[in-house]
Protein backbone atom coordinates (compact mmCIF):
# COMPACT_ATOMS: atom_id res chain seq x y z
CA MET A 1 99.76 81.23 106.82
CA LYS A 2 102.25 78.72 108.07
CA TYR A 3 105.83 79.39 107.24
CA HIS A 4 108.18 76.53 106.53
CA GLY A 5 111.73 75.68 105.55
CA LEU A 6 114.11 78.65 105.24
CA LEU A 7 111.24 81.11 105.53
CA ALA A 8 110.47 79.88 109.07
CA TYR A 9 114.18 79.81 109.91
CA PHE A 10 114.83 83.40 108.81
CA TYR A 11 111.77 84.70 110.53
CA LYS A 12 112.30 82.89 113.88
CA GLN A 13 116.10 83.14 114.19
CA ASN A 14 117.73 85.73 116.37
CA THR A 15 119.48 88.60 114.58
CA THR A 16 123.13 88.31 113.61
CA SER A 17 125.18 87.99 116.74
CA TYR A 18 127.09 91.14 117.70
CA THR A 19 128.03 93.06 120.80
CA MET A 20 127.94 96.64 119.68
CA THR A 21 125.02 98.97 120.45
CA PRO A 22 123.09 100.07 117.32
CA LYS A 23 123.83 103.69 116.45
CA PHE A 24 120.26 104.60 115.56
CA LYS A 25 116.80 103.11 114.92
CA VAL A 26 114.70 103.22 111.76
CA VAL A 27 111.04 102.37 112.07
CA LEU A 28 109.01 101.41 108.96
CA ILE A 29 105.25 101.81 109.61
CA GLY A 30 103.36 99.95 106.84
CA ALA A 31 106.11 97.41 106.24
CA GLY A 32 103.54 94.87 104.93
CA SER A 33 103.65 96.76 101.66
CA HIS A 34 106.45 94.45 100.91
CA VAL A 35 107.59 95.59 97.48
CA PHE A 36 108.27 99.12 98.78
CA ALA A 37 109.54 97.95 102.20
CA LYS A 38 112.05 95.63 100.47
CA LYS A 39 113.34 98.60 98.51
CA LEU A 40 113.73 100.78 101.63
CA ILE A 41 115.47 98.00 103.52
CA THR A 42 118.03 97.27 100.83
CA ASP A 43 118.50 101.02 100.30
CA ILE A 44 119.50 101.44 103.95
CA LEU A 45 121.77 98.38 103.92
CA SER A 46 123.53 99.56 100.72
CA TYR A 47 125.29 102.23 102.90
CA PRO A 48 128.04 100.58 104.99
CA GLU A 49 127.71 103.47 107.50
CA LEU A 50 124.03 102.60 108.12
CA ARG A 51 124.34 98.94 108.84
CA LYS A 52 125.08 99.31 112.54
CA SER A 53 121.45 100.16 113.19
CA THR A 54 118.07 98.77 114.24
CA ILE A 55 115.46 98.44 111.56
CA CYS A 56 112.03 97.91 113.12
CA LEU A 57 109.23 96.73 110.88
CA MET A 58 105.64 97.50 111.90
CA ASP A 59 102.36 96.48 110.34
CA LEU A 60 98.89 95.48 111.47
CA ASP A 61 98.81 92.52 109.02
CA GLU A 62 100.83 89.91 110.86
CA ASP A 63 101.19 87.56 107.91
CA ARG A 64 102.67 90.27 105.64
CA LEU A 65 104.80 91.49 108.47
CA GLN A 66 106.28 88.03 108.95
CA LEU A 67 107.09 87.90 105.22
CA ILE A 68 108.99 91.18 105.13
CA THR A 69 110.70 90.43 108.42
CA ALA A 70 111.90 87.10 107.00
CA PHE A 71 113.26 88.94 104.00
CA ALA A 72 115.12 91.45 106.20
CA LYS A 73 116.62 88.80 108.43
CA LYS A 74 117.64 86.71 105.46
CA THR A 75 119.44 89.73 104.02
CA VAL A 76 121.50 90.58 107.16
CA SER A 77 122.19 86.91 107.78
CA GLN A 78 123.50 86.26 104.26
CA TYR A 79 125.83 89.22 104.31
CA GLY A 80 126.73 89.10 107.98
CA PHE A 81 125.59 92.56 108.57
CA PRO A 82 125.46 93.80 112.23
CA THR A 83 121.91 95.09 111.77
CA ARG A 84 119.29 94.35 114.28
CA ILE A 85 115.92 93.48 112.77
CA GLU A 86 112.81 93.86 114.88
CA SER A 87 109.12 93.55 114.01
CA THR A 88 105.92 94.21 115.82
CA THR A 89 102.21 94.89 115.27
CA ASP A 90 102.22 97.47 118.05
CA ARG A 91 103.00 100.95 116.85
CA ARG A 92 103.99 102.43 120.20
CA THR A 93 106.36 99.54 120.84
CA ALA A 94 107.98 100.20 117.43
CA LEU A 95 108.43 103.85 118.09
CA ASN A 96 110.34 103.32 121.35
CA GLY A 97 113.87 104.73 120.73
CA ALA A 98 113.17 105.69 117.11
CA ASN A 99 115.33 108.25 115.31
CA TYR A 100 113.62 107.92 111.89
CA VAL A 101 110.02 106.92 111.24
CA ILE A 102 109.16 106.03 107.62
CA VAL A 103 105.40 105.88 106.95
CA SER A 104 103.87 104.14 103.92
CA ILE A 105 100.35 102.97 104.62
CA ARG A 106 96.95 102.55 102.92
CA VAL A 107 93.92 102.79 105.21
CA GLY A 108 91.07 100.63 103.88
CA GLY A 109 93.14 98.81 101.35
CA HIS A 110 91.78 97.60 98.02
CA SER A 111 88.07 97.97 98.80
CA THR A 112 88.15 101.68 99.52
CA ARG A 113 90.24 102.27 96.40
CA LEU A 114 87.41 100.70 94.37
CA HIS A 115 84.92 103.10 96.05
CA ASP A 116 87.29 106.09 95.47
CA LEU A 117 87.50 105.34 91.78
CA GLY A 118 84.23 103.54 91.02
CA ILE A 119 81.65 105.87 92.56
CA PRO A 120 82.97 109.07 90.91
CA ALA A 121 83.11 107.22 87.60
CA LYS A 122 79.38 106.51 87.77
CA TYR A 123 79.02 110.30 87.72
CA GLY A 124 81.39 110.73 84.82
CA VAL A 125 84.55 111.64 86.82
CA LYS A 126 86.93 109.01 85.60
CA GLN A 127 90.11 109.45 87.61
CA ALA A 128 93.47 108.10 86.62
CA VAL A 129 94.80 107.21 90.01
CA GLY A 130 92.61 109.10 92.52
CA ASP A 131 95.19 109.52 95.32
CA THR A 132 96.11 113.21 95.20
CA ILE A 133 93.15 115.55 94.78
CA GLY A 134 89.73 114.95 93.19
CA PRO A 135 87.08 112.78 94.84
CA GLY A 136 89.50 109.91 95.40
CA GLY A 137 92.30 112.06 96.64
CA VAL A 138 90.13 113.94 99.13
CA PHE A 139 88.65 110.75 100.52
CA TYR A 140 92.09 109.20 100.63
CA GLY A 141 93.03 112.18 102.74
CA LEU A 142 90.02 111.90 105.08
CA ARG A 143 90.94 108.33 105.88
CA HIS A 144 94.69 109.02 106.33
CA VAL A 145 94.96 112.38 108.09
CA PRO A 146 93.70 111.00 111.47
CA VAL A 147 96.14 108.05 111.31
CA LEU A 148 99.14 110.27 110.47
CA LEU A 149 98.21 112.62 113.30
CA ASP A 150 97.89 109.67 115.71
CA ILE A 151 101.38 108.53 114.73
CA CYS A 152 102.73 112.07 115.34
CA HIS A 153 100.98 112.26 118.71
CA ASP A 154 102.52 108.89 119.68
CA MET A 155 105.92 110.18 118.53
CA ASP A 156 105.49 113.31 120.59
CA GLN A 157 105.20 111.13 123.67
CA ILE A 158 107.77 108.43 122.79
CA CYS A 159 110.35 109.86 120.33
CA PRO A 160 109.70 113.61 120.01
CA ASN A 161 113.01 114.29 118.24
CA ALA A 162 112.65 111.69 115.53
CA LEU A 163 112.19 112.65 111.91
CA LEU A 164 108.97 111.40 110.24
CA ILE A 165 109.56 110.57 106.55
CA ASN A 166 106.22 110.31 104.80
CA TYR A 167 105.58 108.34 101.58
CA THR A 168 101.83 108.05 102.07
CA ASN A 169 99.47 109.87 99.69
CA PRO A 170 97.82 112.36 99.33
CA MET A 171 101.22 113.78 100.19
CA ALA A 172 100.45 117.55 100.26
CA ILE A 173 97.24 117.03 102.33
CA LEU A 174 98.95 114.86 104.90
CA ASN A 175 102.09 116.96 105.30
CA TRP A 176 99.99 120.13 105.52
CA ALA A 177 97.94 118.58 108.35
CA MET A 178 101.05 117.36 110.22
CA ASN A 179 102.67 120.78 109.85
CA ASP A 180 99.66 122.61 111.21
CA TYR A 181 98.54 120.22 113.91
CA THR A 182 101.65 118.59 115.31
CA ASN A 183 105.21 119.56 116.33
CA ILE A 184 106.95 116.58 114.74
CA LYS A 185 109.63 117.21 112.21
CA ASN A 186 108.59 115.71 108.90
CA VAL A 187 109.30 115.63 105.24
CA GLY A 188 107.25 114.14 102.39
CA LEU A 189 109.06 112.10 99.72
CA CYS A 190 108.04 111.12 96.20
CA HIS A 191 109.95 109.68 93.25
CA SER A 192 108.44 111.82 90.52
CA VAL A 193 111.37 114.26 90.24
CA GLN A 194 113.85 111.36 89.80
CA SER A 195 111.71 109.50 87.29
CA THR A 196 110.83 112.62 85.24
CA SER A 197 114.46 113.78 85.12
CA SER A 198 115.35 110.36 83.78
CA ASP A 199 112.60 110.64 81.14
CA LEU A 200 113.80 114.03 80.02
CA ALA A 201 117.38 112.81 79.69
CA LYS A 202 116.13 110.05 77.45
CA TYR A 203 114.05 112.46 75.32
CA ILE A 204 117.18 114.51 74.51
CA GLN A 205 119.38 111.34 74.36
CA ALA A 206 121.70 112.66 77.14
CA PRO A 207 123.59 110.52 79.59
CA TYR A 208 121.77 110.93 82.90
CA HIS A 209 124.88 111.91 84.82
CA GLU A 210 125.40 114.88 82.44
CA ILE A 211 122.03 116.58 83.15
CA SER A 212 121.13 118.98 86.00
CA TYR A 213 117.87 120.54 87.01
CA ARG A 214 116.07 122.79 89.45
CA VAL A 215 112.51 121.69 90.34
CA ALA A 216 109.88 123.34 92.57
CA GLY A 217 106.11 123.52 92.95
CA ILE A 218 103.78 121.10 94.80
CA ASN A 219 103.77 117.35 95.07
CA HIS A 220 102.75 115.73 91.77
CA MET A 221 102.76 119.09 90.10
CA ALA A 222 106.27 120.53 90.43
CA TRP A 223 108.06 122.24 87.59
CA PHE A 224 111.45 121.86 85.94
CA LEU A 225 112.39 125.49 86.32
CA GLU A 226 115.84 124.70 84.87
CA PHE A 227 116.82 121.71 82.78
CA LYS A 228 120.47 121.65 81.63
CA TRP A 229 122.83 119.31 79.74
CA ASN A 230 126.47 119.93 80.63
CA ASN A 231 125.52 123.16 82.17
CA LYS A 232 123.75 124.44 78.98
CA ASP A 233 120.02 125.16 78.81
CA ALA A 234 118.49 121.94 77.37
CA TYR A 235 114.94 123.21 77.00
CA PRO A 236 115.44 124.36 73.35
CA LEU A 237 116.65 120.87 72.45
CA LEU A 238 113.82 119.28 74.39
CA LYS A 239 111.26 121.40 72.49
CA GLU A 240 112.90 120.42 69.25
CA ARG A 241 112.81 116.72 70.06
CA LEU A 242 109.28 116.78 71.19
CA GLU A 243 108.12 118.03 67.79
CA ASP A 244 108.22 114.40 66.82
CA PRO A 245 105.11 112.79 68.39
CA THR A 246 106.43 109.29 67.82
CA LEU A 247 108.92 109.95 70.54
CA TYR A 248 106.24 110.14 73.27
CA SER A 249 102.76 109.36 71.98
CA ASN A 250 102.52 105.55 72.18
CA GLU A 251 103.58 102.67 74.34
CA ASN A 252 106.31 101.60 71.87
CA ALA A 253 107.83 105.05 71.77
CA HIS A 254 108.02 105.86 75.43
CA TRP A 255 109.45 103.70 78.24
CA ALA A 256 106.97 104.98 80.83
CA GLY A 257 103.90 104.90 78.66
CA PRO A 258 102.38 107.59 76.39
CA ASP A 259 103.34 111.06 77.54
CA ASN A 260 100.88 113.18 75.52
CA VAL A 261 99.43 115.13 78.46
CA ARG A 262 102.76 116.35 79.89
CA VAL A 263 104.05 117.29 76.44
CA LYS A 264 100.83 119.27 75.80
CA ILE A 265 101.17 121.00 79.18
CA PHE A 266 104.85 121.73 78.43
CA LYS A 267 104.07 123.19 74.99
CA THR A 268 101.14 125.25 76.43
CA PHE A 269 102.64 126.53 79.67
CA GLY A 270 106.38 126.45 78.95
CA TYR A 271 107.63 124.13 81.71
CA PHE A 272 107.73 120.39 82.14
CA ASN A 273 105.92 118.95 85.19
CA THR A 274 106.97 116.13 87.40
CA GLU A 275 104.15 113.67 87.49
CA SER A 276 103.21 111.20 84.80
CA SER A 277 100.69 112.03 82.01
CA GLN A 278 98.13 109.71 83.60
CA HIS A 279 98.41 111.58 86.94
CA MET A 280 98.62 115.04 85.42
CA SER A 281 95.48 114.45 83.38
CA GLU A 282 93.35 114.38 86.53
CA TYR A 283 94.76 117.53 88.12
CA VAL A 284 93.57 119.86 85.44
CA PRO A 285 90.22 120.28 83.60
CA TYR A 286 91.40 119.74 80.06
CA PHE A 287 91.91 116.06 79.31
CA ARG A 288 89.27 113.77 80.83
CA LYS A 289 85.92 115.44 80.06
CA LYS A 290 85.08 113.59 76.85
CA GLU A 291 85.49 109.98 75.74
CA SER A 292 87.47 111.24 72.74
CA HIS A 293 90.02 112.71 75.13
CA PHE A 294 90.88 109.27 76.41
CA GLU A 295 91.80 108.09 72.96
CA ASN A 296 93.46 111.26 71.79
CA TYR A 297 95.75 111.44 74.87
CA ASN A 298 96.18 107.66 75.45
CA LEU A 299 94.58 107.91 78.84
CA GLU A 300 93.59 105.09 81.15
CA TYR A 301 90.82 104.71 83.59
CA ALA A 302 92.31 103.09 86.67
CA PHE A 303 89.09 101.51 88.01
CA LEU A 304 89.07 99.11 84.97
CA HIS A 305 92.40 97.74 86.12
CA GLY A 306 91.59 97.51 89.84
CA GLU A 307 91.18 93.76 90.05
CA GLU A 308 94.12 93.23 87.70
CA ASP A 309 96.35 95.40 89.91
CA TYR A 310 95.13 93.55 93.03
CA GLN A 311 95.97 90.20 91.55
CA LYS A 312 99.39 91.50 90.48
CA ARG A 313 100.16 92.40 94.03
CA LEU A 314 99.12 88.90 95.24
CA LYS A 315 101.43 87.41 92.66
CA GLN A 316 104.30 89.63 93.77
CA GLU A 317 103.66 88.54 97.39
CA GLU A 318 103.78 84.83 96.42
CA GLU A 319 107.00 85.39 94.36
CA MET A 320 108.60 87.09 97.44
CA ARG A 321 107.50 84.22 99.67
CA ILE A 322 109.12 81.70 97.36
CA PHE A 323 112.32 83.77 97.13
CA VAL A 324 112.63 84.18 100.85
CA ALA A 325 112.28 80.44 101.41
CA SER A 326 114.94 79.74 98.77
CA PRO A 327 118.72 79.79 99.22
CA ASP A 328 119.03 82.54 96.54
CA LYS A 329 121.05 85.50 97.66
CA VAL A 330 119.48 88.99 98.20
CA ILE A 331 120.93 91.55 95.81
CA ILE A 332 121.88 94.73 97.69
CA ASP A 333 121.39 97.63 95.28
CA ARG A 334 120.23 101.19 95.76
CA SER A 335 117.16 102.78 94.28
CA ASP A 336 116.60 106.47 93.55
CA GLU A 337 114.37 106.94 96.58
CA PHE A 338 115.47 109.62 98.96
CA ALA A 339 114.80 108.09 102.46
CA ALA A 340 118.06 106.24 102.93
CA LYS A 341 120.02 109.18 101.41
CA ILE A 342 118.49 111.46 104.04
CA ILE A 343 119.39 109.09 106.88
CA HIS A 344 122.91 108.70 105.55
CA SER A 345 123.51 112.47 105.28
CA ILE A 346 122.20 113.18 108.78
CA GLU A 347 124.13 110.38 110.31
CA THR A 348 127.46 110.92 108.50
CA GLY A 349 127.32 114.62 107.68
CA ILE A 350 127.99 113.88 104.08
CA PRO A 351 125.69 116.36 102.24
CA SER A 352 123.15 115.42 99.69
CA ARG A 353 120.36 117.14 97.76
CA ILE A 354 116.80 115.91 97.62
CA ASN A 355 113.45 117.28 96.60
CA GLY A 356 111.21 117.23 99.69
CA ASN A 357 107.70 118.26 100.62
CA VAL A 358 107.83 120.88 103.36
CA LYS A 359 105.84 123.77 104.79
CA ASN A 360 105.86 126.88 102.69
CA ASN A 361 107.38 129.43 105.05
CA GLY A 362 108.04 131.89 102.28
CA LEU A 363 109.95 129.30 100.14
CA ILE A 364 107.69 129.94 97.16
CA THR A 365 106.38 133.45 97.45
CA ASN A 366 103.45 133.23 94.99
CA LEU A 367 101.96 130.13 96.63
CA PRO A 368 99.94 130.37 99.81
CA ARG A 369 101.99 130.61 102.97
CA GLY A 370 101.62 127.49 105.06
CA CYS A 371 100.77 125.10 102.23
CA SER A 372 102.87 122.08 101.40
CA VAL A 373 105.44 122.71 98.68
CA GLU A 374 108.06 120.45 96.97
CA VAL A 375 111.44 122.16 96.74
CA PRO A 376 115.16 121.26 96.51
CA CYS A 377 116.59 120.65 100.05
CA LEU A 378 120.11 120.26 101.37
CA VAL A 379 120.54 117.45 103.86
CA ASP A 380 123.47 117.18 106.26
CA LYS A 381 124.15 116.83 109.99
CA SER A 382 121.80 119.72 110.62
CA GLY A 383 118.90 117.97 109.03
CA ILE A 384 116.72 119.00 106.09
CA GLN A 385 117.20 122.56 104.88
CA PRO A 386 114.76 123.65 102.17
CA THR A 387 115.76 126.09 99.37
CA ARG A 388 114.04 129.42 99.02
CA ILE A 389 112.76 129.55 95.38
CA GLY A 390 111.04 132.96 95.25
CA LYS A 391 108.31 133.25 92.59
CA LEU A 392 107.34 130.48 90.28
CA PRO A 393 106.44 131.47 86.75
CA PRO A 394 102.82 132.78 87.20
CA GLN A 395 101.23 130.24 84.90
CA CYS A 396 102.82 127.43 86.90
CA ALA A 397 101.82 128.99 90.22
CA GLY A 398 98.29 129.43 88.84
CA LEU A 399 97.95 125.74 88.01
CA ASN A 400 99.37 124.86 91.48
CA ARG A 401 96.90 127.05 93.27
CA THR A 402 93.94 125.25 91.74
CA ASN A 403 95.17 122.08 93.49
CA ILE A 404 96.16 123.88 96.67
CA ASN A 405 92.54 125.16 97.04
CA VAL A 406 91.40 121.51 97.22
CA GLN A 407 94.19 120.49 99.60
CA GLU A 408 93.42 123.30 102.05
CA LEU A 409 89.76 122.44 102.38
CA ALA A 410 90.50 118.75 102.53
CA VAL A 411 92.80 119.31 105.53
CA LEU A 412 90.07 121.34 107.26
CA ALA A 413 87.48 118.75 106.45
CA SER A 414 89.63 116.00 107.97
CA ILE A 415 90.24 117.96 111.17
CA GLU A 416 86.66 119.19 111.65
CA LYS A 417 85.04 115.94 110.44
CA SER A 418 82.94 118.00 108.12
CA LYS A 419 80.90 116.71 105.16
CA THR A 420 80.24 120.29 104.14
CA LEU A 421 83.95 121.13 103.87
CA THR A 422 84.50 117.83 102.01
CA LYS A 423 81.87 118.78 99.45
CA GLN A 424 83.39 122.25 99.07
CA ALA A 425 86.86 120.73 98.59
CA ILE A 426 85.62 118.49 95.77
CA LEU A 427 83.59 121.32 94.22
CA LEU A 428 86.91 123.12 93.82
CA ASP A 429 88.57 120.19 92.17
CA PRO A 430 89.43 121.17 88.55
CA LEU A 431 88.31 117.90 86.97
CA THR A 432 85.10 117.41 89.01
CA SER A 433 83.97 121.01 88.48
CA ALA A 434 84.52 120.64 84.71
CA ILE A 435 82.10 117.70 84.58
CA LEU A 436 79.54 117.92 87.47
CA SER A 437 76.97 120.42 88.75
CA ILE A 438 76.92 121.37 92.37
CA ASP A 439 73.96 119.03 93.04
CA GLU A 440 75.59 116.18 91.24
CA THR A 441 78.79 116.69 93.25
CA HIS A 442 76.85 116.71 96.54
CA GLN A 443 75.12 113.47 95.59
CA MET A 444 78.43 111.79 94.61
CA VAL A 445 80.05 112.80 97.91
CA GLU A 446 77.18 111.46 99.99
CA GLU A 447 77.48 108.17 98.15
CA LEU A 448 81.20 108.06 98.94
CA PHE A 449 80.53 108.74 102.61
CA ASP A 450 77.91 105.92 102.69
CA ALA A 451 80.31 103.49 101.01
CA GLU A 452 83.20 104.37 103.34
CA SER A 453 81.25 104.92 106.56
CA LYS A 454 83.37 102.30 108.35
CA TYR A 455 86.29 104.71 108.27
CA LEU A 456 84.38 108.06 108.31
CA MET A 457 81.55 107.38 110.78
CA ASP A 458 82.17 110.53 112.80
CA PHE A 459 81.74 112.96 109.86
CA LYS A 460 78.68 115.21 110.05
């Protein structure tokens, strides 16, 4: 790709001239995922206190790296920010001097995603997203655990005191592996708590700033243990509102798509969970076993939209290329992602609260010690300080444990390069075990290994 006009200018130019030494360095590994990288860059720059910094963008895809670098340099140039923008395809170069390392990568890209979804579908396991547990989530983990551990090992040599902020899925599997096999400080971040709390506020027609909540569990299956409106329990009102299915059961009624699954889980188990209905439907054995379930619960089968999603990403990339080459000004706003908030609190000492994925050192007492849990955390100059929750409601902990079983074996399978442990992990998956026999599961897993042998050639 040859860059031209303003795009070439912004990519090639030196950073804004200034004499001060940057206060800290943020490295974004996987910066070629430009939609997400753009959000993180503008989040950081939205804080005046974070602008005297270095933002280093790293990706193996040089063309995409140039695009996001051009965007970042255009932003700091237009606003005259004293932010140093660097970019490189070399990870170790990027990590030199890093204080914060944000990781958002996808090993194998679009083609492996098609295998993760398409091969299980042949056997009747029609996943919604396939990036958390299940056949897709486990194989996602097998490809990503080695890379995350390599990043940590590089950090141990180059920037051992830096904080790794992980956005890559499968979150729980990756953070569990990093916690058990490296010494690097890390936290896993997701946006499901923020988006679900916004959904719940809309369900009860409450201004978002008037609600409060306490959420804990595991990534993609945490629970609103408390949900309040102006400090009063809002669960009774939510239950009342959700008696009207037109509020949540079709695209026109709900801003985030039909929410039938989460409402059913809420009515059955008593607590609202954090991930979308499409996601939640593949973490339990109740919703994707029969074709009638897909219609009754307004469920999608992601593989059918694979090419459509891929083309959408290409269109977004072209739109960004056009924007960067134009004189249009970048809008600096702040998303609800937690990464920049964490950096801001650590650098300034101004406290904030996030929900982070951390090691369960007794934080949730009825989930296995050592697993990855998602809990409220205080962030300040001292870093990230998780909250001790105690016991989850037993029904919520029970559902979490069915997923943790898969996560534990997937971590071991990744470390030991074991096909046997991989098969055992997927045999414990709630959805797969509701549909397939042991022999069928073995056959499916072998087919996945054959299709993804380029990335998993050392498994035996």
